[in-house]
Structures are given as C-alpha cells and as structure tokens.
C-alpha cells in the first residue's frame, strides 16, 4: 500500500507550507516552522523518498 499511496508526516509544517503565499482553508496556520525551513524540509523529504523509490540516483548525472 505504501508504494502506491505513501503518507509522510513532516513535523512542524502544515498544508499551507506546500503553497507559499496561500493559506489553505481549515489549516492550522501558521506552521510551527518558518516558510523557508518548511520548504527545505519538504524538498529534502521528497528528494529522499524519490531516491529510495526510483532509480533517480542512477540517472541524475545524465540529466545535468
């Protein structure tokens, strides 16, 4: 199930952290971390997930 529908909880962020400049209705706002830190956490987490679940680590050099 996690392969098809992964769920990752990143402590300190909220839904609005994924869309800078927008407050998602019903969201707990503001997040516990700054927008800059939240975006960094989101990027690092997504990159780690994709590296583990794709062969992206092997093809990254060929793209650049």
PDB file of N, CA and C in Angstrom:
ATOM      1  N   UNK A   1       0.819  -1.193   0.000  1.00  0.00           N
ATOM      2  CA  UNK A   1       0.000   0.000   0.000  1.00  0.00           C
ATOM      3  C   UNK A   1       0.861   1.253   0.000  1.00  0.00           C
ATOM      4  N   UNK A   2       1.948   1.297   0.769  1.00  0.00           N
ATOM      5  CA  UNK A   2       2.772   2.492   0.806  1.00  0.00           C
ATOM      6  C   UNK A   2       3.424   2.804  -0.535  1.00  0.00           C
ATOM      7  N   UNK A   3       3.653   1.795  -1.351  1.00  0.00           N
ATOM      8  CA  UNK A   3       4.242   2.035  -2.661  1.00  0.00           C
ATOM      9  C   UNK A   3       3.289   2.814  -3.548  1.00  0.00           C
ATOM     10  N   UNK A   4       2.002   2.530  -3.448  1.00  0.00           N
ATOM     11  CA  UNK A   4       1.011   3.185  -4.295  1.00  0.00           C
ATOM     12  C   UNK A   4       0.428   4.457  -3.684  1.00  0.00           C
ATOM     13  N   UNK A   5       0.417   4.557  -2.378  1.00  0.00           N
ATOM     14  CA  UNK A   5      -0.225   5.684  -1.707  1.00  0.00           C
ATOM     15  C   UNK A   5       0.560   6.043  -0.441  1.00  0.00           C
ATOM     16  N   UNK A   6       1.775   6.590  -0.615  1.00  0.00           N
ATOM     17  CA  UNK A   6       2.603   6.872   0.562  1.00  0.00           C
ATOM     18  C   UNK A   6       2.062   8.039   1.379  1.00  0.00           C
ATOM     19  N   UNK A   7       2.264   7.955   2.657  1.00  0.00           N
ATOM     20  CA  UNK A   7       1.912   9.039   3.566  1.00  0.00           C
ATOM     21  C   UNK A   7       3.166   9.368   4.364  1.00  0.00           C
ATOM     22  N   UNK A   8       3.560  10.616   4.320  1.00  0.00           N
ATOM     23  CA  UNK A   8       4.738  11.069   5.056  1.00  0.00           C
ATOM     24  C   UNK A   8       4.318  12.256   5.904  1.00  0.00           C
ATOM     25  N   UNK A   9       4.599  12.193   7.177  1.00  0.00           N
ATOM     26  CA  UNK A   9       4.293  13.302   8.084  1.00  0.00           C
ATOM     27  C   UNK A   9       5.601  14.014   8.399  1.00  0.00           C
ATOM     28  N   UNK A  10       5.620  15.302   8.099  1.00  0.00           N
ATOM     29  CA  UNK A  10       6.806  16.108   8.380  1.00  0.00           C
ATOM     30  C   UNK A  10       6.455  17.025   9.553  1.00  0.00           C
ATOM     31  N   UNK A  11       7.013  16.759  10.706  1.00  0.00           N
ATOM     32  CA  UNK A  11       6.689  17.583  11.885  1.00  0.00           C
ATOM     33  C   UNK A  11       6.995  19.066  11.659  1.00  0.00           C
ATOM     34  N   UNK A  12       6.087  19.918  12.109  1.00  0.00           N
ATOM     35  CA  UNK A  12       6.310  21.348  12.066  1.00  0.00           C
ATOM     36  C   UNK A  12       5.697  22.084  10.897  1.00  0.00           C
ATOM     37  N   UNK A  13       5.287  21.341   9.840  1.00  0.00           N
ATOM     38  CA  UNK A  13       4.688  22.020   8.697  1.00  0.00           C
ATOM     39  C   UNK A  13       3.183  21.778   8.683  1.00  0.00           C
ATOM     40  N   UNK A  14       2.484  22.548   7.848  1.00  0.00           N
ATOM     41  CA  UNK A  14       1.056  22.328   7.639  1.00  0.00           C
ATOM     42  C   UNK A  14       0.799  22.311   6.125  1.00  0.00           C
ATOM     43  N   UNK A  15      -0.441  22.139   5.714  1.00  0.00           N
ATOM     44  CA  UNK A  15      -0.746  22.075   4.284  1.00  0.00           C
ATOM     45  C   UNK A  15      -0.339  23.358   3.564  1.00  0.00           C
ATOM     46  N   UNK A  16      -0.469  24.475   4.240  1.00  0.00           N
ATOM     47  CA  UNK A  16      -0.121  25.757   3.634  1.00  0.00           C
ATOM     48  C   UNK A  16       1.375  25.869   3.344  1.00  0.00           C
ATOM     49  N   UNK A  17       2.190  25.067   3.998  1.00  0.00           N
ATOM     50  CA  UNK A  17       3.635  25.082   3.752  1.00  0.00           C
ATOM     51  C   UNK A  17       3.966  24.637   2.335  1.00  0.00           C
ATOM     52  N   UNK A  18       3.073  23.876   1.690  1.00  0.00           N
ATOM     53  CA  UNK A  18       3.295  23.383   0.338  1.00  0.00           C
ATOM     54  C   UNK A  18       2.962  24.425  -0.726  1.00  0.00           C
ATOM     55  N   UNK A  19       2.273  25.492  -0.351  1.00  0.00           N
ATOM     56  CA  UNK A  19       1.867  26.505  -1.336  1.00  0.00           C
ATOM     57  C   UNK A  19       2.120  27.896  -0.766  1.00  0.00           C
ATOM     58  N   UNK A  20       3.370  28.347  -0.845  1.00  0.00           N
ATOM     59  CA  UNK A  20       3.743  29.646  -0.269  1.00  0.00           C
ATOM     60  C   UNK A  20       2.823  30.769  -0.755  1.00  0.00           C
ATOM     61  N   UNK A  21       2.421  31.612   0.170  1.00  0.00           N
ATOM     62  CA  UNK A  21       1.571  32.740  -0.156  1.00  0.00           C
ATOM     63  C   UNK A  21       0.088  32.439  -0.081  1.00  0.00           C
ATOM     64  N   UNK A  22      -0.263  31.182   0.175  1.00  0.00           N
ATOM     65  CA  UNK A  22      -1.662  30.781   0.248  1.00  0.00           C
ATOM     66  C   UNK A  22      -1.913  30.124   1.601  1.00  0.00           C
ATOM     67  N   UNK A  23      -3.031  30.471   2.206  1.00  0.00           N
ATOM     68  CA  UNK A  23      -3.439  29.808   3.444  1.00  0.00           C
ATOM     69  C   UNK A  23      -4.552  28.835   3.079  1.00  0.00           C
ATOM     70  N   UNK A  24      -4.300  27.553   3.252  1.00  0.00           N
ATOM     71  CA  UNK A  24      -5.278  26.524   2.931  1.00  0.00           C
ATOM     72  C   UNK A  24      -6.433  26.620   3.923  1.00  0.00           C
ATOM     73  N   UNK A  25      -7.676  26.728   3.415  1.00  0.00           N
ATOM     74  CA  UNK A  25      -8.829  26.827   4.326  1.00  0.00           C
ATOM     75  C   UNK A  25      -8.894  25.647   5.301  1.00  0.00           C
ATOM     76  N   UNK A  26      -9.126  25.947   6.564  1.00  0.00           N
ATOM     77  CA  UNK A  26      -9.218  24.910   7.585  1.00  0.00           C
ATOM     78  C   UNK A  26      -7.881  24.444   8.126  1.00  0.00           C
ATOM     79  N   UNK A  27      -6.799  24.997   7.598  1.00  0.00           N
ATOM     80  CA  UNK A  27      -5.466  24.594   8.028  1.00  0.00           C
ATOM     81  C   UNK A  27      -5.124  25.248   9.363  1.00  0.00           C
ATOM     82  N   UNK A  28      -4.256  24.610  10.115  1.00  0.00           N
ATOM     83  CA  UNK A  28      -3.712  25.221  11.324  1.00  0.00           C
ATOM     84  C   UNK A  28      -2.617  26.161  10.834  1.00  0.00           C
ATOM     85  N   UNK A  29      -2.804  27.427  11.042  1.00  0.00           N
ATOM     86  CA  UNK A  29      -1.881  28.408  10.497  1.00  0.00           C
ATOM     87  C   UNK A  29      -1.499  29.400  11.572  1.00  0.00           C
ATOM     88  N   UNK A  30      -0.283  29.801  11.682  1.00  0.00           N
ATOM     89  CA  UNK A  30       0.859  29.428  10.859  1.00  0.00           C
ATOM     90  C   UNK A  30       1.477  28.106  11.306  1.00  0.00           C
ATOM     91  N   UNK A  31       2.326  27.582  10.447  1.00  0.00           N
ATOM     92  CA  UNK A  31       3.033  26.340  10.766  1.00  0.00           C
ATOM     93  C   UNK A  31       4.016  26.593  11.910  1.00  0.00           C
ATOM     94  N   UNK A  32       4.505  25.517  12.496  1.00  0.00           N
ATOM     95  CA  UNK A  32       5.458  25.637  13.602  1.00  0.00           C
ATOM     96  C   UNK A  32       6.846  26.073  13.134  1.00  0.00           C
ATOM     97  N   UNK A  33       7.156  25.870  11.864  1.00  0.00           N
ATOM     98  CA  UNK A  33       8.458  26.277  11.320  1.00  0.00           C
ATOM     99  C   UNK A  33       8.240  27.378  10.291  1.00  0.00           C
ATOM    100  N   UNK A  34       9.275  28.131  10.001  1.00  0.00           N
ATOM    101  CA  UNK A  34       9.178  29.215   9.024  1.00  0.00           C
ATOM    102  C   UNK A  34       8.914  28.636   7.636  1.00  0.00           C
ATOM    103  N   UNK A  35       8.459  29.497   6.741  1.00  0.00           N
ATOM    104  CA  UNK A  35       8.192  29.058   5.376  1.00  0.00           C
ATOM    105  C   UNK A  35       9.472  28.555   4.704  1.00  0.00           C
ATOM    106  N   UNK A  36      10.567  29.247   4.931  1.00  0.00           N
ATOM    107  CA  UNK A  36      11.849  28.831   4.355  1.00  0.00           C
ATOM    108  C   UNK A  36      12.257  27.454   4.867  1.00  0.00           C
ATOM    109  N   UNK A  37      12.171  27.245   6.176  1.00  0.00           N
ATOM    110  CA  UNK A  37      12.525  25.944   6.748  1.00  0.00           C
ATOM    111  C   UNK A  37      11.544  24.864   6.300  1.00  0.00           C
ATOM    112  N   UNK A  38      10.263  25.209   6.215  1.00  0.00           N
ATOM    113  CA  UNK A  38       9.259  24.251   5.773  1.00  0.00           C
ATOM    114  C   UNK A  38       9.511  23.778   4.354  1.00  0.00           C
ATOM    115  N   UNK A  39       9.806  24.719   3.456  1.00  0.00           N
ATOM    116  CA  UNK A  39      10.083  24.340   2.067  1.00  0.00           C
ATOM    117  C   UNK A  39      11.340  23.476   1.969  1.00  0.00           C
ATOM    118  N   UNK A  40      12.327  23.785   2.786  1.00  0.00           N
ATOM    119  CA  UNK A  40      13.544  22.979   2.801  1.00  0.00           C
ATOM    120  C   UNK A  40      13.251  21.558   3.291  1.00  0.00           C
ATOM    121  N   UNK A  41      12.453  21.442   4.358  1.00  0.00           N
ATOM    122  CA  UNK A  41      12.075  20.125   4.870  1.00  0.00           C
ATOM    123  C   UNK A  41      11.283  19.329   3.823  1.00  0.00           C
ATOM    124  N   UNK A  42      10.357  20.000   3.153  1.00  0.00           N
ATOM    125  CA  UNK A  42       9.555  19.340   2.119  1.00  0.00           C
ATOM    126  C   UNK A  42      10.454  18.855   0.986  1.00  0.00           C
ATOM    127  N   UNK A  43      11.331  19.722   0.503  1.00  0.00           N
ATOM    128  CA  UNK A  43      12.238  19.344  -0.589  1.00  0.00           C
ATOM    129  C   UNK A  43      13.154  18.192  -0.224  1.00  0.00           C
ATOM    130  N   UNK A  44      13.742  18.256   0.962  1.00  0.00           N
ATOM    131  CA  UNK A  44      14.640  17.184   1.406  1.00  0.00           C
ATOM    132  C   UNK A  44      13.906  15.861   1.548  1.00  0.00           C
ATOM    133  N   UNK A  45      12.686  15.922   2.082  1.00  0.00           N
ATOM    134  CA  UNK A  45      11.904  14.703   2.300  1.00  0.00           C
ATOM    135  C   UNK A  45      11.477  14.079   0.977  1.00  0.00           C
ATOM    136  N   UNK A  46      11.005  14.893   0.054  1.00  0.00           N
ATOM    137  CA  UNK A  46      10.592  14.385  -1.251  1.00  0.00           C
ATOM    138  C   UNK A  46      11.788  13.821  -2.009  1.00  0.00           C
ATOM    139  N   UNK A  47      12.913  14.508  -1.951  1.00  0.00           N
ATOM    140  CA  UNK A  47      14.123  14.016  -2.622  1.00  0.00           C
ATOM    141  C   UNK A  47      14.561  12.668  -2.060  1.00  0.00           C
ATOM    142  N   UNK A  48      14.532  12.531  -0.747  1.00  0.00           N
ATOM    143  CA  UNK A  48      14.923  11.257  -0.127  1.00  0.00           C
ATOM    144  C   UNK A  48      13.958  10.145  -0.525  1.00  0.00           C
ATOM    145  N   UNK A  49      12.660  10.448  -0.522  1.00  0.00           N
ATOM    146  CA  UNK A  49      11.656   9.449  -0.905  1.00  0.00           C
ATOM    147  C   UNK A  49      11.859   9.007  -2.352  1.00  0.00           C
ATOM    148  N   UNK A  50      12.031   9.963  -3.250  1.00  0.00           N
ATOM    149  CA  UNK A  50      12.208   9.613  -4.663  1.00  0.00           C
ATOM    150  C   UNK A  50      13.490   8.837  -4.901  1.00  0.00           C
ATOM    151  N   UNK A  51      14.540   9.194  -4.185  1.00  0.00           N
ATOM    152  CA  UNK A  51      15.801   8.463  -4.321  1.00  0.00           C
ATOM    153  C   UNK A  51      15.637   7.003  -3.901  1.00  0.00           C
ATOM    154  N   UNK A  52      14.869   6.768  -2.839  1.00  0.00           N
ATOM    155  CA  UNK A  52      14.661   5.409  -2.360  1.00  0.00           C
ATOM    156  C   UNK A  52      13.726   4.600  -3.250  1.00  0.00           C
ATOM    157  N   UNK A  53      12.770   5.267  -3.895  1.00  0.00           N
ATOM    158  CA  UNK A  53      11.728   4.547  -4.618  1.00  0.00           C
ATOM    159  C   UNK A  53      11.824   4.640  -6.131  1.00  0.00           C
ATOM    160  N   UNK A  54      12.885   5.224  -6.655  1.00  0.00           N
ATOM    161  CA  UNK A  54      13.095   5.271  -8.097  1.00  0.00           C
ATOM    162  C   UNK A  54      14.568   4.977  -8.370  1.00  0.00           C
ATOM    163  N   UNK A  55      14.903   4.879  -9.620  1.00  0.00           N
ATOM    164  CA  UNK A  55      16.307   4.713  -9.965  1.00  0.00           C
ATOM    165  C   UNK A  55      16.939   6.071 -10.273  1.00  0.00           C
ATOM    166  N   UNK A  56      16.340   7.146  -9.748  1.00  0.00           N
ATOM    167  CA  UNK A  56      16.816   8.506  -9.968  1.00  0.00           C
ATOM    168  C   UNK A  56      18.247   8.726  -9.564  1.00  0.00           C
ATOM    169  N   UNK A  57      18.711   8.028  -8.551  1.00  0.00           N
ATOM    170  CA  UNK A  57      20.086   8.184  -8.109  1.00  0.00           C
ATOM    171  C   UNK A  57      21.066   7.779  -9.210  1.00  0.00           C
ATOM    172  N   UNK A  58      20.635   6.810 -10.053  1.00  0.00           N
ATOM    173  CA  UNK A  58      21.499   6.334 -11.134  1.00  0.00           C
ATOM    174  C   UNK A  58      21.459   7.232 -12.370  1.00  0.00           C
ATOM    175  N   UNK A  59      20.398   8.027 -12.546  1.00  0.00           N
ATOM    176  CA  UNK A  59      20.249   8.816 -13.754  1.00  0.00           C
ATOM    177  C   UNK A  59      20.443  10.311 -13.551  1.00  0.00           C
ATOM    178  N   UNK A  60      20.639  10.746 -12.340  1.00  0.00           N
ATOM    179  CA  UNK A  60      20.757  12.182 -12.061  1.00  0.00           C
ATOM    180  C   UNK A  60      21.899  12.822 -12.859  1.00  0.00           C
ATOM    181  N   UNK A  61      23.033  12.181 -12.923  1.00  0.00           N
ATOM    182  CA  UNK A  61      24.182  12.756 -13.620  1.00  0.00           C
ATOM    183  C   UNK A  61      23.928  12.904 -15.117  1.00  0.00           C
ATOM    184  N   UNK A  62      23.144  12.013 -15.703  1.00  0.00           N
ATOM    185  CA  UNK A  62      22.904  12.080 -17.146  1.00  0.00           C
ATOM    186  C   UNK A  62      21.954  13.214 -17.511  1.00  0.00           C
ATOM    187  N   UNK A  63      21.182  13.722 -16.546  1.00  0.00           N
ATOM    188  CA  UNK A  63      20.235  14.787 -16.832  1.00  0.00           C
ATOM    189  C   UNK A  63      20.938  16.129 -16.882  1.00  0.00           C
ATOM    190  N   UNK A  64      21.948  16.313 -16.049  1.00  0.00           N
ATOM    191  CA  UNK A  64      22.614  17.622 -15.954  1.00  0.00           C
ATOM    192  C   UNK A  64      23.721  17.753 -16.945  1.00  0.00           C
TER     193      UNK A  64
END
